[in-house]
Structure formats: C-alpha cells, structure tokens
Amino acid sequence: MSQPFGRAFARQMLLGDKASADQAAARSPERRVTSRTPPSFLAHAIDDRTVDVANSFAMLEALRARRIEVEAHFFARGDHAFGIGRQGEPSGLWPELLLAWARGLSA
C-alpha cells in the first residue's frame, strides 16, 4: 500500500481517493508483522504486472526479521492472480507446494 512498492491504482481501489500516506502505511502487510504473525506461505510471479514482486520480497524480509516461519516461492511467469495455478507451468505447482509445507507444520 505504501511506497516504494505500492501502486496508486491499488491504493485508490482499496483505500479510496483521499488515503493519506499514514493510512497506506498502516495497511501495508510487511509493516504489520509481529511476533504473533502466524507461519506464512508466499507465492508470487516475477512477471506480475499488477503487484510488484518487491512487495513479496519485503514481506519475506519482515517475516524473517521477526523469526516467523515462512516458505516463499517465486515463479518467473504467472502474471497476477494465477489462482489455483496454471496447468503445465511452474506456477501451477504452488498448491502442491503449499500443501507440502502445511503438512510439515504439523509434523
């Protein structure tokens, strides 16, 4: 939501036309990570034209800084909202990766 990664269109759609920098910062997930944040799974396509992959890198670093367990997968292709994955492409593997990671949490 906030700079340097936030995009004006997304901020406007989610927060409205008159959102202040402080309001955007308060809703930036990487700034809301605490010691109570649960283990997290991140999947992002590097070619995403809607949400800059730098957002996921920032979230990964915020989680690591708080020593929150995190699994992260970055795919070369997949664009935005690859949903349940694109069959036949590497980004299509993320649901399986998530399940494997989640099973490992309870082990």
N, C-alpha and C. Protein backbone atom coordinates (compact mmCIF):
# COMPACT_ATOMS: atom_id res chain seq x y z
N MET A 1 0.80 -1.21 0.00
CA MET A 1 0.00 0.00 0.00
C MET A 1 0.84 1.27 0.00
N SER A 2 2.02 1.20 0.60
CA SER A 2 2.82 2.43 0.68
C SER A 2 4.06 2.32 -0.19
N GLN A 3 4.71 3.43 -0.38
CA GLN A 3 5.90 3.50 -1.22
C GLN A 3 7.06 2.80 -0.52
N PRO A 4 7.98 2.24 -1.23
CA PRO A 4 8.18 2.42 -2.65
C PRO A 4 7.49 1.37 -3.53
N PHE A 5 6.77 0.41 -2.93
CA PHE A 5 6.22 -0.70 -3.70
C PHE A 5 4.76 -0.52 -4.09
N GLY A 6 4.04 0.33 -3.37
CA GLY A 6 2.61 0.47 -3.61
C GLY A 6 2.32 1.07 -4.98
N ARG A 7 1.21 0.67 -5.52
CA ARG A 7 0.77 1.22 -6.80
C ARG A 7 -0.45 2.08 -6.54
N ALA A 8 -0.48 3.23 -7.16
CA ALA A 8 -1.54 4.21 -6.93
C ALA A 8 -2.92 3.62 -7.20
N PHE A 9 -3.06 2.85 -8.26
CA PHE A 9 -4.37 2.29 -8.60
C PHE A 9 -4.87 1.36 -7.50
N ALA A 10 -4.02 0.47 -7.03
CA ALA A 10 -4.42 -0.46 -5.97
C ALA A 10 -4.78 0.30 -4.70
N ARG A 11 -3.97 1.29 -4.36
CA ARG A 11 -4.24 2.08 -3.16
C ARG A 11 -5.59 2.78 -3.28
N GLN A 12 -5.87 3.35 -4.43
CA GLN A 12 -7.14 4.04 -4.64
C GLN A 12 -8.31 3.06 -4.54
N MET A 13 -8.19 1.90 -5.16
CA MET A 13 -9.27 0.92 -5.16
C MET A 13 -9.56 0.38 -3.75
N LEU A 14 -8.51 0.22 -2.96
CA LEU A 14 -8.67 -0.38 -1.62
C LEU A 14 -8.90 0.65 -0.51
N LEU A 15 -8.33 1.84 -0.67
CA LEU A 15 -8.40 2.84 0.41
C LEU A 15 -9.16 4.10 0.04
N GLY A 16 -9.50 4.25 -1.24
CA GLY A 16 -10.22 5.45 -1.66
C GLY A 16 -9.27 6.52 -2.16
N ASP A 17 -9.88 7.59 -2.67
CA ASP A 17 -9.12 8.67 -3.30
C ASP A 17 -8.30 9.53 -2.34
N LYS A 18 -8.72 9.59 -1.10
CA LYS A 18 -8.10 10.54 -0.17
C LYS A 18 -7.26 9.88 0.92
N ALA A 19 -6.78 8.69 0.68
CA ALA A 19 -5.98 8.00 1.68
C ALA A 19 -4.65 8.72 1.89
N SER A 20 -4.30 8.92 3.13
CA SER A 20 -3.03 9.56 3.45
C SER A 20 -1.90 8.53 3.41
N ALA A 21 -0.69 9.03 3.42
CA ALA A 21 0.48 8.14 3.46
C ALA A 21 0.46 7.30 4.73
N ASP A 22 0.02 7.89 5.84
CA ASP A 22 -0.07 7.15 7.10
C ASP A 22 -1.11 6.03 7.03
N GLN A 23 -2.24 6.30 6.37
CA GLN A 23 -3.26 5.27 6.22
C GLN A 23 -2.75 4.13 5.35
N ALA A 24 -2.06 4.46 4.30
CA ALA A 24 -1.49 3.43 3.42
C ALA A 24 -0.46 2.61 4.18
N ALA A 25 0.40 3.26 4.93
CA ALA A 25 1.43 2.55 5.69
C ALA A 25 0.81 1.61 6.72
N ALA A 26 -0.27 2.06 7.35
CA ALA A 26 -0.94 1.23 8.36
C ALA A 26 -1.55 -0.03 7.77
N ARG A 27 -1.76 -0.03 6.46
CA ARG A 27 -2.36 -1.19 5.80
C ARG A 27 -1.36 -1.96 4.92
N SER A 28 -0.10 -1.65 5.08
CA SER A 28 0.94 -2.35 4.34
C SER A 28 1.32 -3.60 5.13
N PRO A 29 1.04 -4.78 4.60
CA PRO A 29 1.23 -6.01 5.38
C PRO A 29 2.62 -6.18 5.98
N GLU A 30 3.65 -5.81 5.25
CA GLU A 30 5.00 -6.02 5.78
C GLU A 30 5.28 -5.16 7.02
N ARG A 31 4.51 -4.11 7.21
CA ARG A 31 4.68 -3.26 8.40
C ARG A 31 3.82 -3.72 9.57
N ARG A 32 3.01 -4.74 9.34
CA ARG A 32 2.11 -5.23 10.37
C ARG A 32 2.55 -6.57 10.95
N VAL A 33 3.71 -7.05 10.54
CA VAL A 33 4.23 -8.32 11.05
C VAL A 33 4.65 -8.13 12.50
N THR A 34 4.17 -9.02 13.36
CA THR A 34 4.55 -9.00 14.77
C THR A 34 4.98 -10.41 15.17
N SER A 35 5.38 -10.56 16.40
CA SER A 35 5.76 -11.89 16.89
C SER A 35 4.57 -12.84 16.92
N ARG A 36 3.36 -12.30 16.79
CA ARG A 36 2.14 -13.13 16.80
C ARG A 36 1.67 -13.48 15.38
N THR A 37 2.37 -13.03 14.37
CA THR A 37 2.02 -13.36 12.99
C THR A 37 2.21 -14.87 12.80
N PRO A 38 1.24 -15.54 12.21
CA PRO A 38 1.37 -16.99 12.03
C PRO A 38 2.37 -17.34 10.94
N PRO A 39 2.81 -18.59 10.90
CA PRO A 39 3.65 -19.03 9.79
C PRO A 39 2.99 -18.64 8.47
N SER A 40 3.81 -18.28 7.50
CA SER A 40 3.26 -17.72 6.26
C SER A 40 3.85 -18.40 5.03
N PHE A 41 3.02 -18.51 4.00
CA PHE A 41 3.41 -19.06 2.71
C PHE A 41 3.24 -17.97 1.67
N LEU A 42 4.29 -17.70 0.91
CA LEU A 42 4.24 -16.68 -0.13
C LEU A 42 4.49 -17.31 -1.49
N ALA A 43 3.71 -16.92 -2.47
CA ALA A 43 3.93 -17.34 -3.85
C ALA A 43 3.67 -16.12 -4.72
N HIS A 44 4.59 -15.84 -5.62
CA HIS A 44 4.46 -14.62 -6.44
C HIS A 44 5.15 -14.86 -7.78
N ALA A 45 4.57 -14.33 -8.83
CA ALA A 45 5.18 -14.38 -10.16
C ALA A 45 6.01 -13.12 -10.37
N ILE A 46 7.23 -13.31 -10.80
CA ILE A 46 8.12 -12.18 -11.02
C ILE A 46 7.61 -11.29 -12.15
N ASP A 47 6.87 -11.86 -13.09
CA ASP A 47 6.36 -11.04 -14.20
C ASP A 47 5.00 -10.40 -13.89
N ASP A 48 4.59 -10.41 -12.64
CA ASP A 48 3.31 -9.81 -12.22
C ASP A 48 3.32 -8.32 -12.55
N ARG A 49 2.37 -7.91 -13.39
CA ARG A 49 2.28 -6.50 -13.78
C ARG A 49 1.32 -5.71 -12.91
N THR A 50 0.62 -6.39 -12.01
CA THR A 50 -0.34 -5.72 -11.14
C THR A 50 0.26 -5.39 -9.78
N VAL A 51 0.94 -6.35 -9.18
CA VAL A 51 1.58 -6.16 -7.87
C VAL A 51 3.06 -6.47 -8.03
N ASP A 52 3.88 -5.49 -7.77
CA ASP A 52 5.32 -5.65 -7.90
C ASP A 52 5.81 -6.76 -6.96
N VAL A 53 6.64 -7.65 -7.49
CA VAL A 53 7.18 -8.75 -6.69
C VAL A 53 7.99 -8.22 -5.50
N ALA A 54 8.43 -6.99 -5.55
CA ALA A 54 9.15 -6.39 -4.42
C ALA A 54 8.30 -6.40 -3.15
N ASN A 55 6.98 -6.38 -3.29
CA ASN A 55 6.10 -6.48 -2.12
C ASN A 55 6.31 -7.80 -1.39
N SER A 56 6.39 -8.88 -2.14
CA SER A 56 6.60 -10.19 -1.50
C SER A 56 8.01 -10.30 -0.92
N PHE A 57 8.99 -9.70 -1.59
CA PHE A 57 10.34 -9.69 -1.02
C PHE A 57 10.34 -8.94 0.31
N ALA A 58 9.64 -7.81 0.37
CA ALA A 58 9.56 -7.02 1.60
C ALA A 58 8.85 -7.82 2.70
N MET A 59 7.78 -8.52 2.34
CA MET A 59 7.07 -9.33 3.33
C MET A 59 7.96 -10.46 3.82
N LEU A 60 8.68 -11.10 2.93
CA LEU A 60 9.60 -12.16 3.31
C LEU A 60 10.63 -11.64 4.31
N GLU A 61 11.20 -10.50 4.04
CA GLU A 61 12.20 -9.93 4.96
C GLU A 61 11.59 -9.54 6.30
N ALA A 62 10.37 -9.01 6.28
CA ALA A 62 9.70 -8.64 7.54
C ALA A 62 9.44 -9.88 8.38
N LEU A 63 9.01 -10.96 7.75
CA LEU A 63 8.77 -12.21 8.47
C LEU A 63 10.07 -12.78 9.03
N ARG A 64 11.11 -12.76 8.23
CA ARG A 64 12.41 -13.27 8.68
C ARG A 64 12.95 -12.44 9.85
N ALA A 65 12.76 -11.14 9.78
CA ALA A 65 13.25 -10.26 10.85
C ALA A 65 12.60 -10.59 12.19
N ARG A 66 11.34 -11.04 12.16
CA ARG A 66 10.62 -11.41 13.39
C ARG A 66 10.72 -12.90 13.69
N ARG A 67 11.52 -13.59 12.88
CA ARG A 67 11.72 -15.03 13.04
C ARG A 67 10.41 -15.83 12.93
N ILE A 68 9.56 -15.37 12.02
CA ILE A 68 8.32 -16.08 11.71
C ILE A 68 8.63 -17.11 10.64
N GLU A 69 8.16 -18.32 10.84
CA GLU A 69 8.39 -19.36 9.83
C GLU A 69 7.72 -18.94 8.52
N VAL A 70 8.48 -19.03 7.45
CA VAL A 70 7.97 -18.61 6.14
C VAL A 70 8.51 -19.52 5.05
N GLU A 71 7.65 -19.81 4.10
CA GLU A 71 8.02 -20.53 2.88
C GLU A 71 7.70 -19.59 1.73
N ALA A 72 8.63 -19.41 0.81
CA ALA A 72 8.41 -18.47 -0.30
C ALA A 72 8.83 -19.11 -1.61
N HIS A 73 7.97 -18.92 -2.61
CA HIS A 73 8.25 -19.42 -3.96
C HIS A 73 8.00 -18.29 -4.95
N PHE A 74 9.00 -18.06 -5.80
CA PHE A 74 8.90 -17.02 -6.81
C PHE A 74 9.01 -17.68 -8.18
N PHE A 75 8.03 -17.43 -9.02
CA PHE A 75 7.96 -18.05 -10.34
C PHE A 75 8.29 -17.01 -11.40
N ALA A 76 9.04 -17.40 -12.40
CA ALA A 76 9.41 -16.47 -13.48
C ALA A 76 8.18 -15.95 -14.20
N ARG A 77 7.21 -16.84 -14.44
CA ARG A 77 6.00 -16.46 -15.16
C ARG A 77 4.76 -16.87 -14.38
N GLY A 78 3.69 -16.15 -14.61
CA GLY A 78 2.42 -16.44 -13.95
C GLY A 78 1.55 -15.21 -13.87
N ASP A 79 2.17 -14.04 -14.08
CA ASP A 79 1.48 -12.76 -14.02
C ASP A 79 0.75 -12.61 -12.68
N HIS A 80 -0.42 -12.02 -12.68
CA HIS A 80 -1.15 -11.75 -11.44
C HIS A 80 -2.35 -12.67 -11.33
N ALA A 81 -2.64 -13.09 -10.12
CA ALA A 81 -3.83 -13.90 -9.85
C ALA A 81 -3.82 -15.21 -10.62
N PHE A 82 -2.71 -15.96 -10.49
CA PHE A 82 -2.70 -17.24 -11.17
C PHE A 82 -3.54 -18.26 -10.45
N GLY A 83 -4.29 -17.78 -9.49
CA GLY A 83 -5.32 -18.59 -8.84
C GLY A 83 -4.80 -19.92 -8.35
N ILE A 84 -5.41 -20.96 -8.75
CA ILE A 84 -5.03 -22.29 -8.31
C ILE A 84 -3.86 -22.83 -9.13
N GLY A 85 -3.30 -21.99 -9.98
CA GLY A 85 -2.13 -22.36 -10.76
C GLY A 85 -2.48 -22.55 -12.22
N ARG A 86 -1.48 -22.39 -13.03
CA ARG A 86 -1.66 -22.57 -14.47
C ARG A 86 -1.10 -23.94 -14.83
N GLN A 87 -2.00 -24.81 -15.22
CA GLN A 87 -1.63 -26.17 -15.53
C GLN A 87 -0.53 -26.21 -16.57
N GLY A 88 0.48 -27.04 -16.32
CA GLY A 88 1.58 -27.18 -17.26
C GLY A 88 2.68 -26.15 -17.11
N GLU A 89 2.51 -25.18 -16.22
CA GLU A 89 3.54 -24.18 -15.97
C GLU A 89 4.04 -24.31 -14.53
N PRO A 90 5.26 -23.90 -14.27
CA PRO A 90 5.77 -24.00 -12.91
C PRO A 90 4.87 -23.34 -11.86
N SER A 91 4.23 -22.22 -12.19
CA SER A 91 3.35 -21.57 -11.20
C SER A 91 2.18 -22.46 -10.82
N GLY A 92 1.86 -23.44 -11.66
CA GLY A 92 0.80 -24.38 -11.35
C GLY A 92 1.13 -25.32 -10.21
N LEU A 93 2.38 -25.32 -9.79
CA LEU A 93 2.81 -26.20 -8.69
C LEU A 93 2.55 -25.62 -7.30
N TRP A 94 2.21 -24.33 -7.22
CA TRP A 94 2.14 -23.71 -5.90
C TRP A 94 1.14 -24.38 -4.97
N PRO A 95 -0.03 -24.86 -5.42
CA PRO A 95 -0.93 -25.52 -4.46
C PRO A 95 -0.29 -26.76 -3.82
N GLU A 96 0.45 -27.53 -4.60
CA GLU A 96 1.13 -28.70 -4.05
C GLU A 96 2.23 -28.29 -3.07
N LEU A 97 2.95 -27.23 -3.41
CA LEU A 97 4.00 -26.72 -2.52
C LEU A 97 3.40 -26.25 -1.19
N LEU A 98 2.26 -25.58 -1.28
CA LEU A 98 1.58 -25.12 -0.07
C LEU A 98 1.16 -26.29 0.81
N LEU A 99 0.55 -27.30 0.19
CA LEU A 99 0.12 -28.46 0.97
C LEU A 99 1.29 -29.17 1.63
N ALA A 100 2.38 -29.35 0.91
CA ALA A 100 3.55 -29.99 1.49
C ALA A 100 4.09 -29.19 2.66
N TRP A 101 4.14 -27.87 2.49
CA TRP A 101 4.62 -27.01 3.58
C TRP A 101 3.69 -27.08 4.78
N ALA A 102 2.39 -27.01 4.55
CA ALA A 102 1.41 -27.04 5.65
C ALA A 102 1.47 -28.37 6.40
N ARG A 103 1.63 -29.47 5.67
CA ARG A 103 1.75 -30.77 6.34
C ARG A 103 2.98 -30.79 7.23
N GLY A 104 4.05 -30.16 6.79
CA GLY A 104 5.27 -30.11 7.58
C GLY A 104 5.13 -29.29 8.85
N LEU A 105 4.20 -28.35 8.87
CA LEU A 105 3.99 -27.54 10.07
C LEU A 105 3.47 -28.37 11.23
N SER A 106 2.65 -29.36 10.92
CA SER A 106 2.04 -30.15 11.99
C SER A 106 2.89 -31.36 12.37
N ALA A 107 4.01 -31.52 11.68
CA ALA A 107 4.87 -32.69 11.95
C ALA A 107 5.68 -32.51 13.21
